[in-house]
Structures are given as structure tokens and as C-alpha cells.
């Protein structure tokens, strides 16, 4: 992995994390493409509106702390990231998950086009 790929991934994920931590579902949704496939811990959905609805349903005070595990360039305009994420809550234990994302460049901006969470059981 190069610093460019790492910069691309962390720039997008830092924006996502900031919006999640602020409980700002509309801002979270701006991190996703219009046709993004999204699978949190509920059934999958497509598009930023469904992402906003998902995060609107998350509890106030939820935070996301991530660690990048792997990065792969799939094409000039596609980057895959594999991460561990700890979702923190004010009233229950941390929820550790794995997160796979595919970022797609749209113009000068990188956005999440695929997001899939897997629980660590």
C-alpha cells in the first residue's frame, strides 16, 4: 500500500467517522455514491437516503474508531479498504466489527460505493 492509497482511504473514512461521531446522518450520507450498496448490521440498502436512514436510527453518542488492516487498488478509480472498527456507545459495551469498503473516484472526489460490516463473534 502506498501513502496515496492510504491518504485516499483515511480522508474518506475520517469524514465518515466525523459525521458518525457527530450523529449527523445527512453528512454521513454525503460520503457515499448515489448508487452505493450499504450493509450495516441490518438488511442491505442502496443509496445515500438509505444510509442516512440507517444512521438516523443509531443511538446518540455512538462513535466509530477504525484501524486500516489492508488496502488494495482495484483500478485507477477504485480502492478497496479492509478495516476493524470499534463502535462505542454511552450505555453498552463497544461493538467490534470488520468493515469492507470500496471507494470510487467521481470527478475529484472519492466516495464509498460499497460498505459491508461483519460482526466479530
PDB file of N, CA and C in Angstrom:
ATOM      1  N   UNK A   1       0.846  -1.168   0.000  1.00  0.00           N
ATOM      2  CA  UNK A   1       0.000   0.000   0.000  1.00  0.00           C
ATOM      3  C   UNK A   1       0.890   1.229   0.000  1.00  0.00           C
ATOM      4  N   UNK A   2       0.485   2.213  -0.789  1.00  0.00           N
ATOM      5  CA  UNK A   2       1.265   3.441  -0.862  1.00  0.00           C
ATOM      6  C   UNK A   2       0.605   4.516  -0.011  1.00  0.00           C
ATOM      7  N   UNK A   3       1.355   5.592   0.210  1.00  0.00           N
ATOM      8  CA  UNK A   3       0.792   6.681   1.015  1.00  0.00           C
ATOM      9  C   UNK A   3      -0.399   7.313   0.304  1.00  0.00           C
ATOM     10  N   UNK A   4      -0.409   7.314  -1.023  1.00  0.00           N
ATOM     11  CA  UNK A   4      -1.542   7.879  -1.765  1.00  0.00           C
ATOM     12  C   UNK A   4      -2.815   7.101  -1.484  1.00  0.00           C
ATOM     13  N   UNK A   5      -2.742   5.771  -1.554  1.00  0.00           N
ATOM     14  CA  UNK A   5      -3.914   4.937  -1.278  1.00  0.00           C
ATOM     15  C   UNK A   5      -4.364   5.108   0.165  1.00  0.00           C
ATOM     16  N   UNK A   6      -3.404   5.153   1.071  1.00  0.00           N
ATOM     17  CA  UNK A   6      -3.726   5.348   2.478  1.00  0.00           C
ATOM     18  C   UNK A   6      -4.386   6.703   2.685  1.00  0.00           C
ATOM     19  N   UNK A   7      -3.861   7.740   2.034  1.00  0.00           N
ATOM     20  CA  UNK A   7      -4.446   9.084   2.143  1.00  0.00           C
ATOM     21  C   UNK A   7      -5.874   9.108   1.617  1.00  0.00           C
ATOM     22  N   UNK A   8      -6.109   8.453   0.488  1.00  0.00           N
ATOM     23  CA  UNK A   8      -7.452   8.398  -0.088  1.00  0.00           C
ATOM     24  C   UNK A   8      -8.409   7.751   0.906  1.00  0.00           C
ATOM     25  N   UNK A   9      -8.035   6.588   1.411  1.00  0.00           N
ATOM     26  CA  UNK A   9      -8.906   5.850   2.319  1.00  0.00           C
ATOM     27  C   UNK A   9      -9.144   6.624   3.614  1.00  0.00           C
ATOM     28  N   UNK A  10      -8.090   7.128   4.222  1.00  0.00           N
ATOM     29  CA  UNK A  10      -8.267   7.808   5.513  1.00  0.00           C
ATOM     30  C   UNK A  10      -9.004   9.137   5.357  1.00  0.00           C
ATOM     31  N   UNK A  11      -8.849   9.813   4.245  1.00  0.00           N
ATOM     32  CA  UNK A  11      -9.593  11.059   4.032  1.00  0.00           C
ATOM     33  C   UNK A  11     -11.092  10.786   4.020  1.00  0.00           C
ATOM     34  N   UNK A  12     -11.514   9.770   3.272  1.00  0.00           N
ATOM     35  CA  UNK A  12     -12.937   9.432   3.210  1.00  0.00           C
ATOM     36  C   UNK A  12     -13.423   8.920   4.560  1.00  0.00           C
ATOM     37  N   UNK A  13     -12.658   8.025   5.177  1.00  0.00           N
ATOM     38  CA  UNK A  13     -13.105   7.434   6.440  1.00  0.00           C
ATOM     39  C   UNK A  13     -13.055   8.425   7.597  1.00  0.00           C
ATOM     40  N   UNK A  14     -12.159   9.373   7.561  1.00  0.00           N
ATOM     41  CA  UNK A  14     -12.161  10.414   8.588  1.00  0.00           C
ATOM     42  C   UNK A  14     -13.419  11.286   8.475  1.00  0.00           C
ATOM     43  N   UNK A  15     -13.846  11.577   7.233  1.00  0.00           N
ATOM     44  CA  UNK A  15     -15.105  12.324   7.033  1.00  0.00           C
ATOM     45  C   UNK A  15     -16.289  11.513   7.549  1.00  0.00           C
ATOM     46  N   UNK A  16     -16.301  10.209   7.218  1.00  0.00           N
ATOM     47  CA  UNK A  16     -17.366   9.305   7.678  1.00  0.00           C
ATOM     48  C   UNK A  16     -17.388   9.266   9.210  1.00  0.00           C
ATOM     49  N   UNK A  17     -16.222   9.051   9.824  1.00  0.00           N
ATOM     50  CA  UNK A  17     -16.122   8.962  11.281  1.00  0.00           C
ATOM     51  C   UNK A  17     -16.590  10.254  11.943  1.00  0.00           C
ATOM     52  N   UNK A  18     -16.175  11.388  11.422  1.00  0.00           N
ATOM     53  CA  UNK A  18     -16.572  12.674  11.984  1.00  0.00           C
ATOM     54  C   UNK A  18     -18.088  12.829  11.973  1.00  0.00           C
ATOM     55  N   UNK A  19     -18.723  12.433  10.886  1.00  0.00           N
ATOM     56  CA  UNK A  19     -20.178  12.534  10.780  1.00  0.00           C
ATOM     57  C   UNK A  19     -20.885  11.528  11.693  1.00  0.00           C
ATOM     58  N   UNK A  20     -20.346  10.307  11.783  1.00  0.00           N
ATOM     59  CA  UNK A  20     -20.916   9.299  12.686  1.00  0.00           C
ATOM     60  C   UNK A  20     -20.806   9.793  14.126  1.00  0.00           C
ATOM     61  N   UNK A  21     -19.625  10.242  14.514  1.00  0.00           N
ATOM     62  CA  UNK A  21     -19.399  10.704  15.891  1.00  0.00           C
ATOM     63  C   UNK A  21     -20.296  11.890  16.252  1.00  0.00           C
ATOM     64  N   UNK A  22     -20.628  12.725  15.257  1.00  0.00           N
ATOM     65  CA  UNK A  22     -21.473  13.900  15.484  1.00  0.00           C
ATOM     66  C   UNK A  22     -22.964  13.555  15.393  1.00  0.00           C
ATOM     67  N   UNK A  23     -23.283  12.304  15.125  1.00  0.00           N
ATOM     68  CA  UNK A  23     -24.665  11.848  14.890  1.00  0.00           C
ATOM     69  C   UNK A  23     -25.341  12.759  13.864  1.00  0.00           C
ATOM     70  N   UNK A  24     -24.694  12.861  12.688  1.00  0.00           N
ATOM     71  CA  UNK A  24     -25.191  13.692  11.591  1.00  0.00           C
ATOM     72  C   UNK A  24     -25.443  12.793  10.383  1.00  0.00           C
ATOM     73  N   UNK A  25     -26.600  12.104  10.356  1.00  0.00           N
ATOM     74  CA  UNK A  25     -26.871  11.125   9.295  1.00  0.00           C
ATOM     75  C   UNK A  25     -26.780  11.693   7.878  1.00  0.00           C
ATOM     76  N   UNK A  26     -27.222  12.922   7.680  1.00  0.00           N
ATOM     77  CA  UNK A  26     -27.155  13.510   6.333  1.00  0.00           C
ATOM     78  C   UNK A  26     -25.707  13.704   5.896  1.00  0.00           C
ATOM     79  N   UNK A  27     -24.855  14.089   6.836  1.00  0.00           N
ATOM     80  CA  UNK A  27     -23.432  14.265   6.495  1.00  0.00           C
ATOM     81  C   UNK A  27     -22.777  12.914   6.250  1.00  0.00           C
ATOM     82  N   UNK A  28     -23.170  11.882   7.016  1.00  0.00           N
ATOM     83  CA  UNK A  28     -22.658  10.527   6.749  1.00  0.00           C
ATOM     84  C   UNK A  28     -22.990  10.154   5.317  1.00  0.00           C
ATOM     85  N   UNK A  29     -24.227  10.405   4.906  1.00  0.00           N
ATOM     86  CA  UNK A  29     -24.688  10.014   3.573  1.00  0.00           C
ATOM     87  C   UNK A  29     -23.897  10.680   2.454  1.00  0.00           C
ATOM     88  N   UNK A  30     -23.327  11.862   2.715  1.00  0.00           N
ATOM     89  CA  UNK A  30     -22.545  12.547   1.679  1.00  0.00           C
ATOM     90  C   UNK A  30     -21.224  11.840   1.381  1.00  0.00           C
ATOM     91  N   UNK A  31     -20.866  10.862   2.193  1.00  0.00           N
ATOM     92  CA  UNK A  31     -19.638  10.091   1.966  1.00  0.00           C
ATOM     93  C   UNK A  31     -19.860   8.954   0.968  1.00  0.00           C
ATOM     94  N   UNK A  32     -21.101   8.771   0.497  1.00  0.00           N
ATOM     95  CA  UNK A  32     -21.474   7.632  -0.335  1.00  0.00           C
ATOM     96  C   UNK A  32     -21.899   8.068  -1.736  1.00  0.00           C
ATOM     97  N   UNK A  33     -21.659   7.198  -2.717  1.00  0.00           N
ATOM     98  CA  UNK A  33     -22.117   7.442  -4.087  1.00  0.00           C
ATOM     99  C   UNK A  33     -23.638   7.305  -4.142  1.00  0.00           C
ATOM    100  N   UNK A  34     -24.224   7.813  -5.212  1.00  0.00           N
ATOM    101  CA  UNK A  34     -25.669   7.736  -5.394  1.00  0.00           C
ATOM    102  C   UNK A  34     -26.198   6.322  -5.524  1.00  0.00           C
ATOM    103  N   UNK A  35     -25.338   5.401  -5.951  1.00  0.00           N
ATOM    104  CA  UNK A  35     -25.765   4.004  -6.125  1.00  0.00           C
ATOM    105  C   UNK A  35     -25.060   3.062  -5.147  1.00  0.00           C
ATOM    106  N   UNK A  36     -24.589   3.612  -4.036  1.00  0.00           N
ATOM    107  CA  UNK A  36     -23.819   2.819  -3.066  1.00  0.00           C
ATOM    108  C   UNK A  36     -24.642   1.655  -2.518  1.00  0.00           C
ATOM    109  N   UNK A  37     -24.001   0.497  -2.452  1.00  0.00           N
ATOM    110  CA  UNK A  37     -24.578  -0.658  -1.768  1.00  0.00           C
ATOM    111  C   UNK A  37     -24.108  -0.577  -0.327  1.00  0.00           C
ATOM    112  N   UNK A  38     -25.064  -0.615   0.603  1.00  0.00           N
ATOM    113  CA  UNK A  38     -24.765  -0.415   2.012  1.00  0.00           C
ATOM    114  C   UNK A  38     -25.313  -1.586   2.817  1.00  0.00           C
ATOM    115  N   UNK A  39     -24.441  -2.229   3.591  1.00  0.00           N
ATOM    116  CA  UNK A  39     -24.892  -3.256   4.527  1.00  0.00           C
ATOM    117  C   UNK A  39     -24.248  -2.994   5.870  1.00  0.00           C
ATOM    118  N   UNK A  40     -25.051  -2.431   6.772  1.00  0.00           N
ATOM    119  CA  UNK A  40     -24.635  -2.308   8.158  1.00  0.00           C
ATOM    120  C   UNK A  40     -24.965  -3.625   8.841  1.00  0.00           C
ATOM    121  N   UNK A  41     -25.509  -3.574  10.026  1.00  0.00           N
ATOM    122  CA  UNK A  41     -25.905  -4.796  10.729  1.00  0.00           C
ATOM    123  C   UNK A  41     -27.384  -5.116  10.516  1.00  0.00           C
ATOM    124  N   UNK A  42     -27.989  -4.475   9.525  1.00  0.00           N
ATOM    125  CA  UNK A  42     -29.379  -4.718   9.158  1.00  0.00           C
ATOM    126  C   UNK A  42     -29.397  -5.060   7.674  1.00  0.00           C
ATOM    127  N   UNK A  43     -30.551  -5.395   7.122  1.00  0.00           N
ATOM    128  CA  UNK A  43     -30.600  -5.728   5.691  1.00  0.00           C
ATOM    129  C   UNK A  43     -29.970  -4.639   4.830  1.00  0.00           C
ATOM    130  N   UNK A  44     -29.468  -5.061   3.685  1.00  0.00           N
ATOM    131  CA  UNK A  44     -28.768  -4.128   2.798  1.00  0.00           C
ATOM    132  C   UNK A  44     -29.739  -3.128   2.183  1.00  0.00           C
ATOM    133  N   UNK A  45     -29.159  -2.041   1.692  1.00  0.00           N
ATOM    134  CA  UNK A  45     -29.929  -0.997   1.041  1.00  0.00           C
ATOM    135  C   UNK A  45     -29.031  -0.340   0.001  1.00  0.00           C
ATOM    136  N   UNK A  46     -29.618   0.565  -0.768  1.00  0.00           N
ATOM    137  CA  UNK A  46     -28.869   1.232  -1.828  1.00  0.00           C
ATOM    138  C   UNK A  46     -29.106   2.740  -1.753  1.00  0.00           C
ATOM    139  N   UNK A  47     -28.020   3.492  -1.846  1.00  0.00           N
ATOM    140  CA  UNK A  47     -28.097   4.934  -1.970  1.00  0.00           C
ATOM    141  C   UNK A  47     -27.973   5.710  -0.672  1.00  0.00           C
ATOM    142  N   UNK A  48     -27.631   6.985  -0.806  1.00  0.00           N
ATOM    143  CA  UNK A  48     -27.392   7.845   0.354  1.00  0.00           C
ATOM    144  C   UNK A  48     -28.610   8.021   1.257  1.00  0.00           C
ATOM    145  N   UNK A  49     -29.822   8.035   0.704  1.00  0.00           N
ATOM    146  CA  UNK A  49     -31.002   8.202   1.557  1.00  0.00           C
ATOM    147  C   UNK A  49     -31.127   7.042   2.540  1.00  0.00           C
ATOM    148  N   UNK A  50     -30.842   5.830   2.063  1.00  0.00           N
ATOM    149  CA  UNK A  50     -30.930   4.671   2.954  1.00  0.00           C
ATOM    150  C   UNK A  50     -29.803   4.683   3.982  1.00  0.00           C
ATOM    151  N   UNK A  51     -28.642   5.206   3.602  1.00  0.00           N
ATOM    152  CA  UNK A  51     -27.531   5.348   4.553  1.00  0.00           C
ATOM    153  C   UNK A  51     -27.926   6.333   5.654  1.00  0.00           C
ATOM    154  N   UNK A  52     -28.510   7.466   5.244  1.00  0.00           N
ATOM    155  CA  UNK A  52     -28.949   8.466   6.234  1.00  0.00           C
ATOM    156  C   UNK A  52     -29.996   7.875   7.171  1.00  0.00           C
ATOM    157  N   UNK A  53     -30.931   7.114   6.629  1.00  0.00           N
ATOM    158  CA  UNK A  53     -31.970   6.498   7.463  1.00  0.00           C
ATOM    159  C   UNK A  53     -31.349   5.523   8.463  1.00  0.00           C
ATOM    160  N   UNK A  54     -30.372   4.740   8.000  1.00  0.00           N
ATOM    161  CA  UNK A  54     -29.705   3.780   8.880  1.00  0.00           C
ATOM    162  C   UNK A  54     -29.025   4.512  10.045  1.00  0.00           C
ATOM    163  N   UNK A  55     -28.244   5.534   9.733  1.00  0.00           N
ATOM    164  CA  UNK A  55     -27.514   6.235  10.791  1.00  0.00           C
ATOM    165  C   UNK A  55     -28.433   7.103  11.648  1.00  0.00           C
ATOM    166  N   UNK A  56     -29.556   7.528  11.118  1.00  0.00           N
ATOM    167  CA  UNK A  56     -30.539   8.252  11.928  1.00  0.00           C
ATOM    168  C   UNK A  56     -31.045   7.344  13.054  1.00  0.00           C
ATOM    169  N   UNK A  57     -31.126   6.048  12.788  1.00  0.00           N
ATOM    170  CA  UNK A  57     -31.597   5.086  13.781  1.00  0.00           C
ATOM    171  C   UNK A  57     -30.561   4.665  14.801  1.00  0.00           C
ATOM    172  N   UNK A  58     -29.334   5.131  14.645  1.00  0.00           N
ATOM    173  CA  UNK A  58     -28.283   4.769  15.601  1.00  0.00           C
ATOM    174  C   UNK A  58     -28.360   5.681  16.827  1.00  0.00           C
ATOM    175  N   UNK A  59     -27.949   5.177  17.985  1.00  0.00           N
ATOM    176  CA  UNK A  59     -28.090   5.977  19.206  1.00  0.00           C
ATOM    177  C   UNK A  59     -27.154   7.187  19.233  1.00  0.00           C
ATOM    178  N   UNK A  60     -27.662   8.253  19.833  1.00  0.00           N
ATOM    179  CA  UNK A  60     -26.843   9.459  20.053  1.00  0.00           C
ATOM    180  C   UNK A  60     -25.675   9.045  20.947  1.00  0.00           C
ATOM    181  N   UNK A  61     -24.507   9.526  20.622  1.00  0.00           N
ATOM    182  CA  UNK A  61     -23.328   9.183  21.410  1.00  0.00           C
ATOM    183  C   UNK A  61     -22.529   8.033  20.831  1.00  0.00           C
ATOM    184  N   UNK A  62     -23.054   7.369  19.769  1.00  0.00           N
ATOM    185  CA  UNK A  62     -22.292   6.296  19.131  1.00  0.00           C
ATOM    186  C   UNK A  62     -21.076   6.908  18.428  1.00  0.00           C
ATOM    187  N   UNK A  63     -19.938   6.252  18.569  1.00  0.00           N
ATOM    188  CA  UNK A  63     -18.708   6.695  17.921  1.00  0.00           C
ATOM    189  C   UNK A  63     -18.107   5.548  17.125  1.00  0.00           C
ATOM    190  N   UNK A  64     -17.226   5.884  16.208  1.00  0.00           N
ATOM    191  CA  UNK A  64     -16.558   4.882  15.384  1.00  0.00           C
ATOM    192  C   UNK A  64     -15.058   5.139  15.412  1.00  0.00           C
ATOM    193  N   UNK A  65     -14.298   4.147  15.848  1.00  0.00           N
ATOM    194  CA  UNK A  65     -12.837   4.220  15.810  1.00  0.00           C
ATOM    195  C   UNK A  65     -12.342   3.096  14.918  1.00  0.00           C
ATOM    196  N   UNK A  66     -11.600   3.461  13.878  1.00  0.00           N
ATOM    197  CA  UNK A  66     -11.192   2.450  12.900  1.00  0.00           C
ATOM    198  C   UNK A  66      -9.679   2.299  12.820  1.00  0.00           C
ATOM    199  N   UNK A  67      -9.287   1.107  12.370  1.00  0.00           N
ATOM    200  CA  UNK A  67      -7.900   0.797  12.066  1.00  0.00           C
ATOM    201  C   UNK A  67      -7.864   0.166  10.684  1.00  0.00           C
ATOM    202  N   UNK A  68      -7.042   0.708   9.810  1.00  0.00           N
ATOM    203  CA  UNK A  68      -6.906   0.146   8.465  1.00  0.00           C
ATOM    204  C   UNK A  68      -6.077  -1.129   8.562  1.00  0.00           C
ATOM    205  N   UNK A  69      -6.608  -2.215   8.012  1.00  0.00           N
ATOM    206  CA  UNK A  69      -5.906  -3.500   8.006  1.00  0.00           C
ATOM    207  C   UNK A  69      -5.261  -3.794   6.653  1.00  0.00           C
ATOM    208  N   UNK A  70      -5.986  -3.514   5.584  1.00  0.00           N
ATOM    209  CA  UNK A  70      -5.481  -3.785   4.235  1.00  0.00           C
ATOM    210  C   UNK A  70      -6.059  -2.768   3.265  1.00  0.00           C
ATOM    211  N   UNK A  71      -5.291  -2.474   2.231  1.00  0.00           N
ATOM    212  CA  UNK A  71      -5.741  -1.600   1.146  1.00  0.00           C
ATOM    213  C   UNK A  71      -5.295  -2.239  -0.169  1.00  0.00           C
ATOM    214  N   UNK A  72      -6.183  -2.224  -1.141  1.00  0.00           N
ATOM    215  CA  UNK A  72      -5.848  -2.711  -2.477  1.00  0.00           C
ATOM    216  C   UNK A  72      -6.388  -1.728  -3.507  1.00  0.00           C
ATOM    217  N   UNK A  73      -5.610  -1.462  -4.551  1.00  0.00           N
ATOM    218  CA  UNK A  73      -6.088  -0.680  -5.685  1.00  0.00           C
ATOM    219  C   UNK A  73      -6.707  -1.673  -6.659  1.00  0.00           C
ATOM    220  N   UNK A  74      -7.986  -1.484  -6.952  1.00  0.00           N
ATOM    221  CA  UNK A  74      -8.681  -2.384  -7.863  1.00  0.00           C
ATOM    222  C   UNK A  74      -8.622  -1.874  -9.299  1.00  0.00           C
ATOM    223  N   UNK A  75      -8.573  -0.568  -9.464  1.00  0.00           N
ATOM    224  CA  UNK A  75      -8.463   0.101 -10.768  1.00  0.00           C
ATOM    225  C   UNK A  75      -8.059   1.540 -10.477  1.00  0.00           C
ATOM    226  N   UNK A  76      -7.824   2.323 -11.527  1.00  0.00           N
ATOM    227  CA  UNK A  76      -7.406   3.713 -11.318  1.00  0.00           C
ATOM    228  C   UNK A  76      -8.395   4.496 -10.470  1.00  0.00           C
ATOM    229  N   UNK A  77      -9.681   4.127 -10.551  1.00  0.00           N
ATOM    230  CA  UNK A  77     -10.700   4.885  -9.831  1.00  0.00           C
ATOM    231  C   UNK A  77     -11.405   4.064  -8.752  1.00  0.00           C
ATOM    232  N   UNK A  78     -10.788   2.952  -8.306  1.00  0.00           N
ATOM    233  CA  UNK A  78     -11.379   2.096  -7.268  1.00  0.00           C
ATOM    234  C   UNK A  78     -10.328   1.674  -6.252  1.00  0.00           C
ATOM    235  N   UNK A  79     -10.631   1.861  -4.985  1.00  0.00           N
ATOM    236  CA  UNK A  79      -9.741   1.440  -3.900  1.00  0.00           C
ATOM    237  C   UNK A  79     -10.566   0.630  -2.900  1.00  0.00           C
ATOM    238  N   UNK A  80     -10.050  -0.530  -2.530  1.00  0.00           N
ATOM    239  CA  UNK A  80     -10.691  -1.378  -1.535  1.00  0.00           C
ATOM    240  C   UNK A  80      -9.988  -1.193  -0.206  1.00  0.00           C
ATOM    241  N   UNK A  81     -10.767  -1.052   0.849  1.00  0.00           N
ATOM    242  CA  UNK A  81     -10.214  -0.967   2.192  1.00  0.00           C
ATOM    243  C   UNK A  81     -10.848  -2.012   3.084  1.00  0.00           C
ATOM    244  N   UNK A  82     -10.027  -2.621   3.930  1.00  0.00           N
ATOM    245  CA  UNK A  82     -10.498  -3.596   4.908  1.00  0.00           C
ATOM    246  C   UNK A  82     -10.049  -3.094   6.267  1.00  0.00           C
ATOM    247  N   UNK A  83     -11.000  -2.939   7.191  1.00  0.00           N
ATOM    248  CA  UNK A  83     -10.715  -2.274   8.460  1.00  0.00           C
ATOM    249  C   UNK A  83     -11.324  -3.028   9.628  1.00  0.00           C
ATOM    250  N   UNK A  84     -10.794  -2.751  10.803  1.00  0.00           N
ATOM    251  CA  UNK A  84     -11.502  -3.112  12.023  1.00  0.00           C
ATOM    252  C   UNK A  84     -12.070  -1.804  12.566  1.00  0.00           C
ATOM    253  N   UNK A  85     -13.303  -1.875  13.057  1.00  0.00           N
ATOM    254  CA  UNK A  85     -13.979  -0.697  13.591  1.00  0.00           C
ATOM    255  C   UNK A  85     -14.563  -1.058  14.943  1.00  0.00           C
ATOM    256  N   UNK A  86     -14.339  -0.195  15.912  1.00  0.00           N
ATOM    257  CA  UNK A  86     -14.972  -0.314  17.217  1.00  0.00           C
ATOM    258  C   UNK A  86     -16.038   0.768  17.318  1.00  0.00           C
ATOM    259  N   UNK A  87     -17.303   0.328  17.346  1.00  0.00           N
ATOM    260  CA  UNK A  87     -18.397   1.270  17.562  1.00  0.00           C
ATOM    261  C   UNK A  87     -18.616   1.384  19.067  1.00  0.00           C
ATOM    262  N   UNK A  88     -18.450   2.590  19.578  1.00  0.00           N
ATOM    263  CA  UNK A  88     -18.604   2.834  21.004  1.00  0.00           C
ATOM    264  C   UNK A  88     -19.976   3.414  21.307  1.00  0.00           C
ATOM    265  N   UNK A  89     -20.469   3.128  22.504  1.00  0.00           N
ATOM    266  CA  UNK A  89     -21.794   3.577  22.934  1.00  0.00           C
ATOM    267  C   UNK A  89     -21.695   4.129  24.350  1.00  0.00           C
ATOM    268  N   UNK A  90     -22.655   4.932  24.723  1.00  0.00           N
ATOM    269  CA  UNK A  90     -22.654   5.506  26.070  1.00  0.00           C
ATOM    270  C   UNK A  90     -23.247   4.550  27.096  1.00  0.00           C
ATOM    271  N   UNK A  91     -24.020   3.561  26.645  1.00  0.00           N
ATOM    272  CA  UNK A  91     -24.772   2.728  27.581  1.00  0.00           C
ATOM    273  C   UNK A  91     -24.568   1.223  27.411  1.00  0.00           C
ATOM    274  N   UNK A  92     -23.575   0.829  26.617  1.00  0.00           N
ATOM    275  CA  UNK A  92     -23.313  -0.602  26.412  1.00  0.00           C
ATOM    276  C   UNK A  92     -21.879  -0.789  25.950  1.00  0.00           C
ATOM    277  N   UNK A  93     -21.432  -2.041  25.931  1.00  0.00           N
ATOM    278  CA  UNK A  93     -20.039  -2.301  25.546  1.00  0.00           C
ATOM    279  C   UNK A  93     -19.756  -1.938  24.082  1.00  0.00           C
ATOM    280  N   UNK A  94     -18.500  -1.750  23.801  1.00  0.00           N
ATOM    281  CA  UNK A  94     -18.030  -1.496  22.436  1.00  0.00           C
ATOM    282  C   UNK A  94     -18.409  -2.680  21.549  1.00  0.00           C
ATOM    283  N   UNK A  95     -18.800  -2.379  20.313  1.00  0.00           N
ATOM    284  CA  UNK A  95     -19.117  -3.406  19.329  1.00  0.00           C
ATOM    285  C   UNK A  95     -17.999  -3.450  18.292  1.00  0.00           C
ATOM    286  N   UNK A  96     -17.139  -4.481  18.335  1.00  0.00           N
ATOM    287  CA  UNK A  96     -16.071  -4.589  17.334  1.00  0.00           C
ATOM    288  C   UNK A  96     -16.604  -5.273  16.068  1.00  0.00           C
ATOM    289  N   UNK A  97     -16.265  -4.718  14.916  1.00  0.00           N
ATOM    290  CA  UNK A  97     -16.678  -5.283  13.628  1.00  0.00           C
ATOM    291  C   UNK A  97     -15.529  -5.184  12.639  1.00  0.00           C
ATOM    292  N   UNK A  98     -15.667  -5.912  11.547  1.00  0.00           N
ATOM    293  CA  UNK A  98     -14.824  -5.705  10.371  1.00  0.00           C
ATOM    294  C   UNK A  98     -15.640  -4.918   9.366  1.00  0.00           C
ATOM    295  N   UNK A  99     -14.986  -4.066   8.616  1.00  0.00           N
ATOM    296  CA  UNK A  99     -15.652  -3.254   7.608  1.00  0.00           C
ATOM    297  C   UNK A  99     -14.881  -3.345   6.299  1.00  0.00           C
ATOM    298  N   UNK A 100     -15.582  -3.704   5.254  1.00  0.00           N
ATOM    299  CA  UNK A 100     -15.019  -3.676   3.907  1.00  0.00           C
ATOM    300  C   UNK A 100     -15.666  -2.540   3.144  1.00  0.00           C
ATOM    301  N   UNK A 101     -14.863  -1.706   2.507  1.00  0.00           N
ATOM    302  CA  UNK A 101     -15.384  -0.607   1.699  1.00  0.00           C
ATOM    303  C   UNK A 101     -14.696  -0.603   0.345  1.00  0.00           C
ATOM    304  N   UNK A 102     -15.438  -0.191  -0.652  1.00  0.00           N
ATOM    305  CA  UNK A 102     -14.852   0.116  -1.954  1.00  0.00           C
ATOM    306  C   UNK A 102     -15.120   1.589  -2.191  1.00  0.00           C
ATOM    307  N   UNK A 103     -14.040   2.318  -2.440  1.00  0.00           N
ATOM    308  CA  UNK A 103     -14.142   3.741  -2.747  1.00  0.00           C
ATOM    309  C   UNK A 103     -14.042   3.928  -4.237  1.00  0.00           C
ATOM    310  N   UNK A 104     -14.873   4.834  -4.766  1.00  0.00           N
ATOM    311  CA  UNK A 104     -14.849   5.134  -6.202  1.00  0.00           C
ATOM    312  C   UNK A 104     -14.618   6.622  -6.394  1.00  0.00           C
ATOM    313  N   UNK A 105     -13.710   6.936  -7.291  1.00  0.00           N
ATOM    314  CA  UNK A 105     -13.457   8.344  -7.608  1.00  0.00           C
ATOM    315  C   UNK A 105     -14.553   8.829  -8.548  1.00  0.00           C
ATOM    316  N   UNK A 106     -15.181   9.920  -8.160  1.00  0.00           N
ATOM    317  CA  UNK A 106     -16.177  10.563  -9.012  1.00  0.00           C
ATOM    318  C   UNK A 106     -15.727  12.009  -9.185  1.00  0.00           C
ATOM    319  N   UNK A 107     -15.175  12.306 -10.343  1.00  0.00           N
ATOM    320  CA  UNK A 107     -14.561  13.616 -10.566  1.00  0.00           C
ATOM    321  C   UNK A 107     -13.305  13.721  -9.724  1.00  0.00           C
ATOM    322  N   UNK A 108     -13.241  14.731  -8.878  1.00  0.00           N
ATOM    323  CA  UNK A 108     -12.088  14.918  -7.992  1.00  0.00           C
ATOM    324  C   UNK A 108     -12.321  14.364  -6.598  1.00  0.00           C
ATOM    325  N   UNK A 109     -13.468  13.724  -6.384  1.00  0.00           N
ATOM    326  CA  UNK A 109     -13.853  13.269  -5.051  1.00  0.00           C
ATOM    327  C   UNK A 109     -13.897  11.755  -4.985  1.00  0.00           C
ATOM    328  N   UNK A 110     -13.470  11.219  -3.853  1.00  0.00           N
ATOM    329  CA  UNK A 110     -13.584   9.784  -3.586  1.00  0.00           C
ATOM    330  C   UNK A 110     -14.762   9.572  -2.643  1.00  0.00           C
ATOM    331  N   UNK A 111     -15.623   8.595  -2.987  1.00  0.00           N
ATOM    332  CA  UNK A 111     -16.802   8.287  -2.185  1.00  0.00           C
ATOM    333  C   UNK A 111     -16.910   6.782  -1.990  1.00  0.00           C
ATOM    334  N   UNK A 112     -17.666   6.382  -0.994  1.00  0.00           N
ATOM    335  CA  UNK A 112     -17.888   4.958  -0.716  1.00  0.00           C
ATOM    336  C   UNK A 112     -18.972   4.447  -1.648  1.00  0.00           C
ATOM    337  N   UNK A 113     -18.649   3.413  -2.433  1.00  0.00           N
ATOM    338  CA  UNK A 113     -19.648   2.822  -3.328  1.00  0.00           C
ATOM    339  C   UNK A 113     -20.127   1.460  -2.831  1.00  0.00           C
ATOM    340  N   UNK A 114     -19.388   0.879  -1.891  1.00  0.00           N
ATOM    341  CA  UNK A 114     -19.794  -0.391  -1.277  1.00  0.00           C
ATOM    342  C   UNK A 114     -19.314  -0.377   0.164  1.00  0.00           C
ATOM    343  N   UNK A 115     -20.197  -0.803   1.088  1.00  0.00           N
ATOM    344  CA  UNK A 115     -19.917  -0.774   2.526  1.00  0.00           C
ATOM    345  C   UNK A 115     -20.528  -2.029   3.113  1.00  0.00           C
ATOM    346  N   UNK A 116     -19.705  -2.866   3.720  1.00  0.00           N
ATOM    347  CA  UNK A 116     -20.218  -4.102   4.307  1.00  0.00           C
ATOM    348  C   UNK A 116     -19.560  -4.371   5.644  1.00  0.00           C
ATOM    349  N   UNK A 117     -20.413  -4.492   6.668  1.00  0.00           N
ATOM    350  CA  UNK A 117     -19.962  -4.762   8.028  1.00  0.00           C
ATOM    351  C   UNK A 117     -20.136  -6.242   8.333  1.00  0.00           C
ATOM    352  N   UNK A 118     -19.158  -6.822   9.031  1.00  0.00           N
ATOM    353  CA  UNK A 118     -19.247  -8.187   9.540  1.00  0.00           C
ATOM    354  C   UNK A 118     -18.959  -8.156  11.031  1.00  0.00           C
ATOM    355  N   UNK A 119     -19.820  -8.793  11.800  1.00  0.00           N
ATOM    356  CA  UNK A 119     -19.606  -8.855  13.257  1.00  0.00           C
ATOM    357  C   UNK A 119     -18.491  -9.826  13.597  1.00  0.00           C
ATOM    358  N   UNK A 120     -17.822  -9.549  14.678  1.00  0.00           N
ATOM    359  CA  UNK A 120     -16.820 -10.452  15.215  1.00  0.00           C
ATOM    360  C   UNK A 120     -17.482 -11.270  16.311  1.00  0.00           C
ATOM    361  N   UNK A 121     -17.827 -12.487  16.008  1.00  0.00           N
ATOM    362  CA  UNK A 121     -18.467 -13.346  17.025  1.00  0.00           C
ATOM    363  C   UNK A 121     -17.517 -14.408  17.500  1.00  0.00           C
TER     364      UNK A 121
END
